[in-house]
């Protein structure tokens, strides 16, 4: 080593300066990394967000069977309202025809619900079907398809009301969940049950639960459809 080069004495002060410089470099590097991550996240989030175009000019405009018929509407009444809407209201933006709650009960009542002795229509997989005495075109396992076709032929859109959960009757009868080895009594709970209408039990997040919901989505032809939470 060059003998003319003087060594700096190792003192506490020099050590502190060296540590401070090192820490400062690390802090700057960490800050740069954080800024880079923030920029990446901001770009990704912006790309995933739907692009706002404009506010809707109106709310969804349509007819819901509950508003006049409660849980007792029949097919002929649905068609009559669809006919009127198509002829007189469609040109002004009215387009939805919705069959509301309990279309699967044969003996419901107006002004409330028959919870004393309801006659449910249910298939072998514990899924509600339209009551044929109220919706004759559903006979032979056709479900709501003929009525939906009629409404679509008018240039209108068709919807039905579906309660969350699994039918109590399906649980009591231990009906199978379609496409699985599970049964309805393995996917339910009595907790958080709807208090004002007790047709169904709550579905738990466990094997067979999602498969049950998938099966009703398939049955009602809801794949790719939009859902609206009402209650």
C-alpha atoms as a PDB file:
ATOM      1  CA  UNK A   1       0.000   0.000   0.000  1.00  0.00           C
ATOM      2  CA  UNK A   2       1.257   3.521  -0.781  1.00  0.00           C
ATOM      3  CA  UNK A   3       2.971   4.777   2.277  1.00  0.00           C
ATOM      4  CA  UNK A   4       2.000   8.357   1.424  1.00  0.00           C
ATOM      5  CA  UNK A   5      -1.714   7.547   1.746  1.00  0.00           C
ATOM      6  CA  UNK A   6      -2.918   8.368   5.177  1.00  0.00           C
ATOM      7  CA  UNK A   7      -5.508   6.055   6.677  1.00  0.00           C
ATOM      8  CA  UNK A   8      -8.572   7.596   8.200  1.00  0.00           C
ATOM      9  CA  UNK A   9      -8.874   6.590  11.780  1.00  0.00           C
ATOM     10  CA  UNK A  10     -11.789   4.311  12.551  1.00  0.00           C
ATOM     11  CA  UNK A  11     -13.882   6.274  14.958  1.00  0.00           C
ATOM     12  CA  UNK A  12     -17.474   6.062  16.150  1.00  0.00           C
ATOM     13  CA  UNK A  13     -18.232   9.205  14.154  1.00  0.00           C
ATOM     14  CA  UNK A  14     -16.954   7.694  10.888  1.00  0.00           C
ATOM     15  CA  UNK A  15     -18.884   4.477  11.475  1.00  0.00           C
ATOM     16  CA  UNK A  16     -22.087   6.454  12.040  1.00  0.00           C
ATOM     17  CA  UNK A  17     -21.543   8.427   8.819  1.00  0.00           C
ATOM     18  CA  UNK A  18     -21.009   5.204   6.860  1.00  0.00           C
ATOM     19  CA  UNK A  19     -24.120   3.606   8.337  1.00  0.00           C
ATOM     20  CA  UNK A  20     -26.143   6.742   7.580  1.00  0.00           C
ATOM     21  CA  UNK A  21     -25.043   6.770   3.936  1.00  0.00           C
ATOM     22  CA  UNK A  22     -25.825   3.063   3.575  1.00  0.00           C
ATOM     23  CA  UNK A  23     -29.262   3.442   5.155  1.00  0.00           C
ATOM     24  CA  UNK A  24     -29.984   6.457   2.965  1.00  0.00           C
ATOM     25  CA  UNK A  25     -29.174   4.466  -0.175  1.00  0.00           C
ATOM     26  CA  UNK A  26     -31.451   1.634   0.922  1.00  0.00           C
ATOM     27  CA  UNK A  27     -34.271   4.064   1.677  1.00  0.00           C
ATOM     28  CA  UNK A  28     -33.969   5.632  -1.761  1.00  0.00           C
ATOM     29  CA  UNK A  29     -33.967   2.216  -3.384  1.00  0.00           C
ATOM     30  CA  UNK A  30     -37.018   1.155  -1.357  1.00  0.00           C
ATOM     31  CA  UNK A  31     -38.834   4.346  -2.308  1.00  0.00           C
ATOM     32  CA  UNK A  32     -38.132   3.734  -5.997  1.00  0.00           C
ATOM     33  CA  UNK A  33     -39.452   0.168  -5.685  1.00  0.00           C
ATOM     34  CA  UNK A  34     -42.616   1.361  -3.951  1.00  0.00           C
ATOM     35  CA  UNK A  35     -43.219   4.026  -6.590  1.00  0.00           C
ATOM     36  CA  UNK A  36     -42.731   1.437  -9.314  1.00  0.00           C
ATOM     37  CA  UNK A  37     -45.216  -0.960  -7.653  1.00  0.00           C
ATOM     38  CA  UNK A  38     -47.710   1.854  -7.209  1.00  0.00           C
ATOM     39  CA  UNK A  39     -47.440   2.799 -10.878  1.00  0.00           C
ATOM     40  CA  UNK A  40     -47.944  -0.821 -11.955  1.00  0.00           C
ATOM     41  CA  UNK A  41     -50.951  -1.306  -9.639  1.00  0.00           C
ATOM     42  CA  UNK A  42     -52.539   1.962 -10.709  1.00  0.00           C
ATOM     43  CA  UNK A  43     -52.195   1.029 -14.375  1.00  0.00           C
ATOM     44  CA  UNK A  44     -53.610  -2.461 -13.793  1.00  0.00           C
ATOM     45  CA  UNK A  45     -56.554  -1.186 -11.755  1.00  0.00           C
ATOM     46  CA  UNK A  46     -57.331   1.470 -14.351  1.00  0.00           C
ATOM     47  CA  UNK A  47     -57.268  -1.121 -17.123  1.00  0.00           C
ATOM     48  CA  UNK A  48     -59.658  -3.435 -15.216  1.00  0.00           C
ATOM     49  CA  UNK A  49     -62.184  -0.752 -14.337  1.00  0.00           C
ATOM     50  CA  UNK A  50     -65.223  -0.535 -16.620  1.00  0.00           C
ATOM     51  CA  UNK A  51     -65.237   2.585 -18.734  1.00  0.00           C
ATOM     52  CA  UNK A  52     -68.078   4.916 -17.794  1.00  0.00           C
ATOM     53  CA  UNK A  53     -69.963   6.093 -20.846  1.00  0.00           C
ATOM     54  CA  UNK A  54     -73.106   7.863 -19.696  1.00  0.00           C
ATOM     55  CA  UNK A  55     -75.908   7.782 -17.146  1.00  0.00           C
ATOM     56  CA  UNK A  56     -78.981   5.702 -17.991  1.00  0.00           C
ATOM     57  CA  UNK A  57     -81.795   7.911 -19.188  1.00  0.00           C
ATOM     58  CA  UNK A  58     -84.397   5.954 -17.183  1.00  0.00           C
ATOM     59  CA  UNK A  59     -84.565   3.233 -14.539  1.00  0.00           C
ATOM     60  CA  UNK A  60     -85.431  -0.300 -15.768  1.00  0.00           C
ATOM     61  CA  UNK A  61     -88.973   0.041 -17.120  1.00  0.00           C
ATOM     62  CA  UNK A  62     -91.358  -2.874 -16.912  1.00  0.00           C
ATOM     63  CA  UNK A  63     -94.183  -4.710 -15.181  1.00  0.00           C
ATOM     64  CA  UNK A  64     -93.923  -6.937 -12.094  1.00  0.00           C
ATOM     65  CA  UNK A  65     -96.766  -9.312 -11.284  1.00  0.00           C
ATOM     66  CA  UNK A  66     -96.523  -8.628  -7.542  1.00  0.00           C
ATOM     67  CA  UNK A  67     -97.810  -5.085  -7.908  1.00  0.00           C
ATOM     68  CA  UNK A  68    -101.306  -6.274  -8.824  1.00  0.00           C
ATOM     69  CA  UNK A  69    -101.530 -10.019  -8.247  1.00  0.00           C
ATOM     70  CA  UNK A  70     -99.217 -10.667  -5.299  1.00  0.00           C
ATOM     71  CA  UNK A  71     -98.111 -14.330  -5.366  1.00  0.00           C
ATOM     72  CA  UNK A  72    -101.165 -15.543  -7.313  1.00  0.00           C
ATOM     73  CA  UNK A  73    -100.579 -14.427 -10.919  1.00  0.00           C
ATOM     74  CA  UNK A  74    -101.527 -16.838 -13.709  1.00  0.00           C
ATOM     75  CA  UNK A  75    -100.191 -17.270 -17.219  1.00  0.00           C
ATOM     76  CA  UNK A  76    -103.171 -15.675 -18.958  1.00  0.00           C
ATOM     77  CA  UNK A  77    -102.726 -12.548 -16.811  1.00  0.00           C
ATOM     78  CA  UNK A  78     -99.017 -12.355 -17.587  1.00  0.00           C
ATOM     79  CA  UNK A  79     -99.736 -12.624 -21.301  1.00  0.00           C
ATOM     80  CA  UNK A  80    -102.455  -9.980 -21.148  1.00  0.00           C
ATOM     81  CA  UNK A  81    -100.081  -7.507 -19.534  1.00  0.00           C
ATOM     82  CA  UNK A  82     -97.347  -8.375 -22.022  1.00  0.00           C
ATOM     83  CA  UNK A  83     -99.774  -7.784 -24.882  1.00  0.00           C
ATOM     84  CA  UNK A  84    -100.718  -4.373 -23.510  1.00  0.00           C
ATOM     85  CA  UNK A  85     -97.109  -3.351 -22.936  1.00  0.00           C
ATOM     86  CA  UNK A  86     -96.053  -4.413 -26.424  1.00  0.00           C
ATOM     87  CA  UNK A  87     -98.913  -2.474 -28.020  1.00  0.00           C
ATOM     88  CA  UNK A  88     -99.010   0.675 -25.906  1.00  0.00           C
ATOM     89  CA  UNK A  89     -95.807   1.091 -23.891  1.00  0.00           C
ATOM     90  CA  UNK A  90     -92.910  -0.587 -25.698  1.00  0.00           C
ATOM     91  CA  UNK A  91     -92.331   2.414 -27.965  1.00  0.00           C
ATOM     92  CA  UNK A  92     -91.727   4.524 -24.834  1.00  0.00           C
ATOM     93  CA  UNK A  93     -89.036   2.202 -23.459  1.00  0.00           C
ATOM     94  CA  UNK A  94     -91.058  -0.278 -21.398  1.00  0.00           C
ATOM     95  CA  UNK A  95     -89.608  -3.767 -21.923  1.00  0.00           C
ATOM     96  CA  UNK A  96     -89.578  -6.026 -18.821  1.00  0.00           C
ATOM     97  CA  UNK A  97     -92.211  -8.599 -17.844  1.00  0.00           C
ATOM     98  CA  UNK A  98     -91.445 -10.250 -14.481  1.00  0.00           C
ATOM     99  CA  UNK A  99     -93.285 -13.110 -12.773  1.00  0.00           C
ATOM    100  CA  UNK A 100     -92.777 -12.477  -9.106  1.00  0.00           C
ATOM    101  CA  UNK A 101     -92.624 -14.732  -6.079  1.00  0.00           C
ATOM    102  CA  UNK A 102     -94.123 -18.200  -5.515  1.00  0.00           C
ATOM    103  CA  UNK A 103     -94.973 -19.158  -9.082  1.00  0.00           C
ATOM    104  CA  UNK A 104     -94.240 -22.735  -7.886  1.00  0.00           C
ATOM    105  CA  UNK A 105     -97.136 -22.898  -5.390  1.00  0.00           C
ATOM    106  CA  UNK A 106    -100.404 -24.356  -6.637  1.00  0.00           C
ATOM    107  CA  UNK A 107    -102.627 -22.934  -3.879  1.00  0.00           C
ATOM    108  CA  UNK A 108    -101.217 -19.570  -2.829  1.00  0.00           C
ATOM    109  CA  UNK A 109    -103.494 -16.737  -1.741  1.00  0.00           C
ATOM    110  CA  UNK A 110    -103.816 -13.022  -2.384  1.00  0.00           C
ATOM    111  CA  UNK A 111    -103.047 -10.543   0.365  1.00  0.00           C
ATOM    112  CA  UNK A 112    -100.239 -12.628   1.849  1.00  0.00           C
ATOM    113  CA  UNK A 113     -98.794 -16.123   1.586  1.00  0.00           C
ATOM    114  CA  UNK A 114    -100.311 -19.525   2.204  1.00  0.00           C
ATOM    115  CA  UNK A 115     -97.793 -20.863   4.713  1.00  0.00           C
ATOM    116  CA  UNK A 116    -100.275 -23.259   6.311  1.00  0.00           C
ATOM    117  CA  UNK A 117    -100.544 -25.937   3.620  1.00  0.00           C
ATOM    118  CA  UNK A 118     -98.730 -24.788   0.456  1.00  0.00           C
ATOM    119  CA  UNK A 119     -98.603 -27.257  -2.425  1.00  0.00           C
ATOM    120  CA  UNK A 120     -95.116 -26.917  -3.914  1.00  0.00           C
ATOM    121  CA  UNK A 121     -94.157 -28.067  -7.389  1.00  0.00           C
ATOM    122  CA  UNK A 122     -90.633 -29.434  -7.221  1.00  0.00           C
ATOM    123  CA  UNK A 123     -88.530 -31.739  -9.384  1.00  0.00           C
ATOM    124  CA  UNK A 124     -86.431 -34.764  -8.437  1.00  0.00           C
ATOM    125  CA  UNK A 125     -83.396 -32.536  -7.791  1.00  0.00           C
ATOM    126  CA  UNK A 126     -85.125 -30.215  -5.342  1.00  0.00           C
ATOM    127  CA  UNK A 127     -85.741 -27.361  -7.778  1.00  0.00           C
ATOM    128  CA  UNK A 128     -88.970 -25.406  -8.070  1.00  0.00           C
ATOM    129  CA  UNK A 129     -91.063 -25.724 -11.238  1.00  0.00           C
ATOM    130  CA  UNK A 130     -93.982 -23.554 -12.403  1.00  0.00           C
ATOM    131  CA  UNK A 131     -97.354 -24.669 -11.055  1.00  0.00           C
ATOM    132  CA  UNK A 132     -99.137 -26.090 -14.112  1.00  0.00           C
ATOM    133  CA  UNK A 133    -102.589 -25.169 -12.799  1.00  0.00           C
ATOM    134  CA  UNK A 134    -101.466 -21.532 -13.036  1.00  0.00           C
ATOM    135  CA  UNK A 135     -99.044 -21.807 -15.997  1.00  0.00           C
ATOM    136  CA  UNK A 136    -100.534 -24.439 -18.332  1.00  0.00           C
ATOM    137  CA  UNK A 137     -97.814 -24.087 -20.972  1.00  0.00           C
ATOM    138  CA  UNK A 138     -95.293 -25.447 -18.420  1.00  0.00           C
ATOM    139  CA  UNK A 139     -96.850 -28.932 -18.662  1.00  0.00           C
ATOM    140  CA  UNK A 140     -94.666 -31.800 -19.777  1.00  0.00           C
ATOM    141  CA  UNK A 141     -91.531 -30.414 -18.191  1.00  0.00           C
ATOM    142  CA  UNK A 142     -91.398 -27.358 -20.468  1.00  0.00           C
ATOM    143  CA  UNK A 143     -91.070 -24.934 -17.562  1.00  0.00           C
ATOM    144  CA  UNK A 144     -91.252 -21.239 -18.383  1.00  0.00           C
ATOM    145  CA  UNK A 145     -89.781 -21.648 -21.866  1.00  0.00           C
ATOM    146  CA  UNK A 146     -93.112 -21.372 -23.767  1.00  0.00           C
ATOM    147  CA  UNK A 147     -94.136 -18.267 -21.806  1.00  0.00           C
ATOM    148  CA  UNK A 148     -90.673 -16.740 -22.274  1.00  0.00           C
ATOM    149  CA  UNK A 149     -90.890 -17.435 -26.009  1.00  0.00           C
ATOM    150  CA  UNK A 150     -94.277 -15.700 -26.158  1.00  0.00           C
ATOM    151  CA  UNK A 151     -92.978 -12.611 -24.374  1.00  0.00           C
ATOM    152  CA  UNK A 152     -89.808 -12.511 -26.470  1.00  0.00           C
ATOM    153  CA  UNK A 153     -91.922 -12.688 -29.616  1.00  0.00           C
ATOM    154  CA  UNK A 154     -93.394  -9.350 -28.525  1.00  0.00           C
ATOM    155  CA  UNK A 155     -89.926  -7.812 -28.408  1.00  0.00           C
ATOM    156  CA  UNK A 156     -89.983  -7.797 -24.595  1.00  0.00           C
ATOM    157  CA  UNK A 157     -87.740  -9.316 -21.906  1.00  0.00           C
ATOM    158  CA  UNK A 158     -88.852 -11.964 -19.405  1.00  0.00           C
ATOM    159  CA  UNK A 159     -87.775 -12.494 -15.796  1.00  0.00           C
ATOM    160  CA  UNK A 160     -88.724 -14.554 -12.746  1.00  0.00           C
ATOM    161  CA  UNK A 161     -88.296 -14.115  -9.004  1.00  0.00           C
ATOM    162  CA  UNK A 162     -86.117 -16.688  -7.216  1.00  0.00           C
ATOM    163  CA  UNK A 163     -85.708 -16.912  -3.445  1.00  0.00           C
ATOM    164  CA  UNK A 164     -82.258 -17.679  -2.044  1.00  0.00           C
ATOM    165  CA  UNK A 165     -81.616 -21.067  -0.450  1.00  0.00           C
ATOM    166  CA  UNK A 166     -82.816 -24.623  -0.923  1.00  0.00           C
ATOM    167  CA  UNK A 167     -86.464 -25.731  -0.535  1.00  0.00           C
ATOM    168  CA  UNK A 168     -87.287 -27.130   2.903  1.00  0.00           C
ATOM    169  CA  UNK A 169     -89.148 -29.919   1.144  1.00  0.00           C
ATOM    170  CA  UNK A 170     -85.971 -30.902  -0.734  1.00  0.00           C
ATOM    171  CA  UNK A 171     -84.084 -31.078   2.562  1.00  0.00           C
ATOM    172  CA  UNK A 172     -86.785 -33.126   4.275  1.00  0.00           C
ATOM    173  CA  UNK A 173     -86.870 -35.581   1.364  1.00  0.00           C
ATOM    174  CA  UNK A 174     -83.063 -35.628   1.062  1.00  0.00           C
ATOM    175  CA  UNK A 175     -83.296 -35.037  -2.664  1.00  0.00           C
ATOM    176  CA  UNK A 176     -80.028 -35.304  -4.637  1.00  0.00           C
ATOM    177  CA  UNK A 177     -78.114 -32.312  -5.952  1.00  0.00           C
ATOM    178  CA  UNK A 178     -77.964 -32.833  -9.701  1.00  0.00           C
ATOM    179  CA  UNK A 179     -74.652 -34.152 -11.004  1.00  0.00           C
ATOM    180  CA  UNK A 180     -73.209 -34.844  -7.554  1.00  0.00           C
ATOM    181  CA  UNK A 181     -73.272 -37.438  -4.795  1.00  0.00           C
ATOM    182  CA  UNK A 182     -74.589 -34.849  -2.331  1.00  0.00           C
ATOM    183  CA  UNK A 183     -78.148 -34.426  -1.099  1.00  0.00           C
ATOM    184  CA  UNK A 184     -80.055 -31.320  -0.065  1.00  0.00           C
ATOM    185  CA  UNK A 185     -79.834 -32.165   3.642  1.00  0.00           C
ATOM    186  CA  UNK A 186     -76.032 -31.851   3.409  1.00  0.00           C
ATOM    187  CA  UNK A 187     -75.942 -28.245   2.166  1.00  0.00           C
ATOM    188  CA  UNK A 188     -78.471 -26.407   4.353  1.00  0.00           C
ATOM    189  CA  UNK A 189     -78.679 -24.514   7.635  1.00  0.00           C
ATOM    190  CA  UNK A 190     -81.605 -23.202   9.677  1.00  0.00           C
ATOM    191  CA  UNK A 191     -79.596 -20.078  10.526  1.00  0.00           C
ATOM    192  CA  UNK A 192     -80.342 -16.794   8.740  1.00  0.00           C
ATOM    193  CA  UNK A 193     -83.574 -18.200   7.332  1.00  0.00           C
ATOM    194  CA  UNK A 194     -85.921 -15.680   5.774  1.00  0.00           C
ATOM    195  CA  UNK A 195     -88.386 -14.679   8.501  1.00  0.00           C
ATOM    196  CA  UNK A 196     -91.284 -13.468   6.396  1.00  0.00           C
ATOM    197  CA  UNK A 197     -91.425 -16.466   4.060  1.00  0.00           C
ATOM    198  CA  UNK A 198     -90.137 -19.843   5.149  1.00  0.00           C
ATOM    199  CA  UNK A 199     -90.226 -21.943   1.992  1.00  0.00           C
ATOM    200  CA  UNK A 200     -86.438 -22.381   1.970  1.00  0.00           C
ATOM    201  CA  UNK A 201     -83.472 -23.045   4.232  1.00  0.00           C
ATOM    202  CA  UNK A 202     -80.178 -21.166   3.973  1.00  0.00           C
ATOM    203  CA  UNK A 203     -77.489 -22.789   1.825  1.00  0.00           C
ATOM    204  CA  UNK A 204     -74.062 -23.201   3.431  1.00  0.00           C
ATOM    205  CA  UNK A 205     -70.723 -22.725   1.709  1.00  0.00           C
ATOM    206  CA  UNK A 206     -69.824 -26.404   1.524  1.00  0.00           C
ATOM    207  CA  UNK A 207     -69.497 -29.163  -1.089  1.00  0.00           C
ATOM    208  CA  UNK A 208     -72.679 -29.470  -3.130  1.00  0.00           C
ATOM    209  CA  UNK A 209     -73.902 -25.928  -2.460  1.00  0.00           C
ATOM    210  CA  UNK A 210     -72.526 -24.235  -5.571  1.00  0.00           C
ATOM    211  CA  UNK A 211     -73.535 -27.258  -7.617  1.00  0.00           C
ATOM    212  CA  UNK A 212     -77.127 -26.794  -6.455  1.00  0.00           C
ATOM    213  CA  UNK A 213     -77.147 -23.158  -7.542  1.00  0.00           C
ATOM    214  CA  UNK A 214     -75.514 -24.148 -10.832  1.00  0.00           C
ATOM    215  CA  UNK A 215     -78.319 -26.632 -11.416  1.00  0.00           C
ATOM    216  CA  UNK A 216     -81.092 -24.068 -10.984  1.00  0.00           C
ATOM    217  CA  UNK A 217     -79.244 -21.617 -13.226  1.00  0.00           C
ATOM    218  CA  UNK A 218     -79.155 -24.350 -15.854  1.00  0.00           C
ATOM    219  CA  UNK A 219     -82.799 -25.318 -15.335  1.00  0.00           C
ATOM    220  CA  UNK A 220     -84.127 -21.766 -15.602  1.00  0.00           C
ATOM    221  CA  UNK A 221     -81.948 -20.939 -18.604  1.00  0.00           C
ATOM    222  CA  UNK A 222     -80.082 -18.221 -16.718  1.00  0.00           C
ATOM    223  CA  UNK A 223     -76.576 -18.855 -18.043  1.00  0.00           C
ATOM    224  CA  UNK A 224     -75.150 -15.539 -19.162  1.00  0.00           C
ATOM    225  CA  UNK A 225     -78.165 -13.595 -17.876  1.00  0.00           C
ATOM    226  CA  UNK A 226     -78.148 -10.535 -15.665  1.00  0.00           C
ATOM    227  CA  UNK A 227     -79.314 -10.823 -12.061  1.00  0.00           C
ATOM    228  CA  UNK A 228     -81.047  -8.228  -9.929  1.00  0.00           C
ATOM    229  CA  UNK A 229     -81.133  -8.624  -6.145  1.00  0.00           C
ATOM    230  CA  UNK A 230     -84.505  -7.554  -4.857  1.00  0.00           C
ATOM    231  CA  UNK A 231     -84.881  -8.800  -1.309  1.00  0.00           C
END
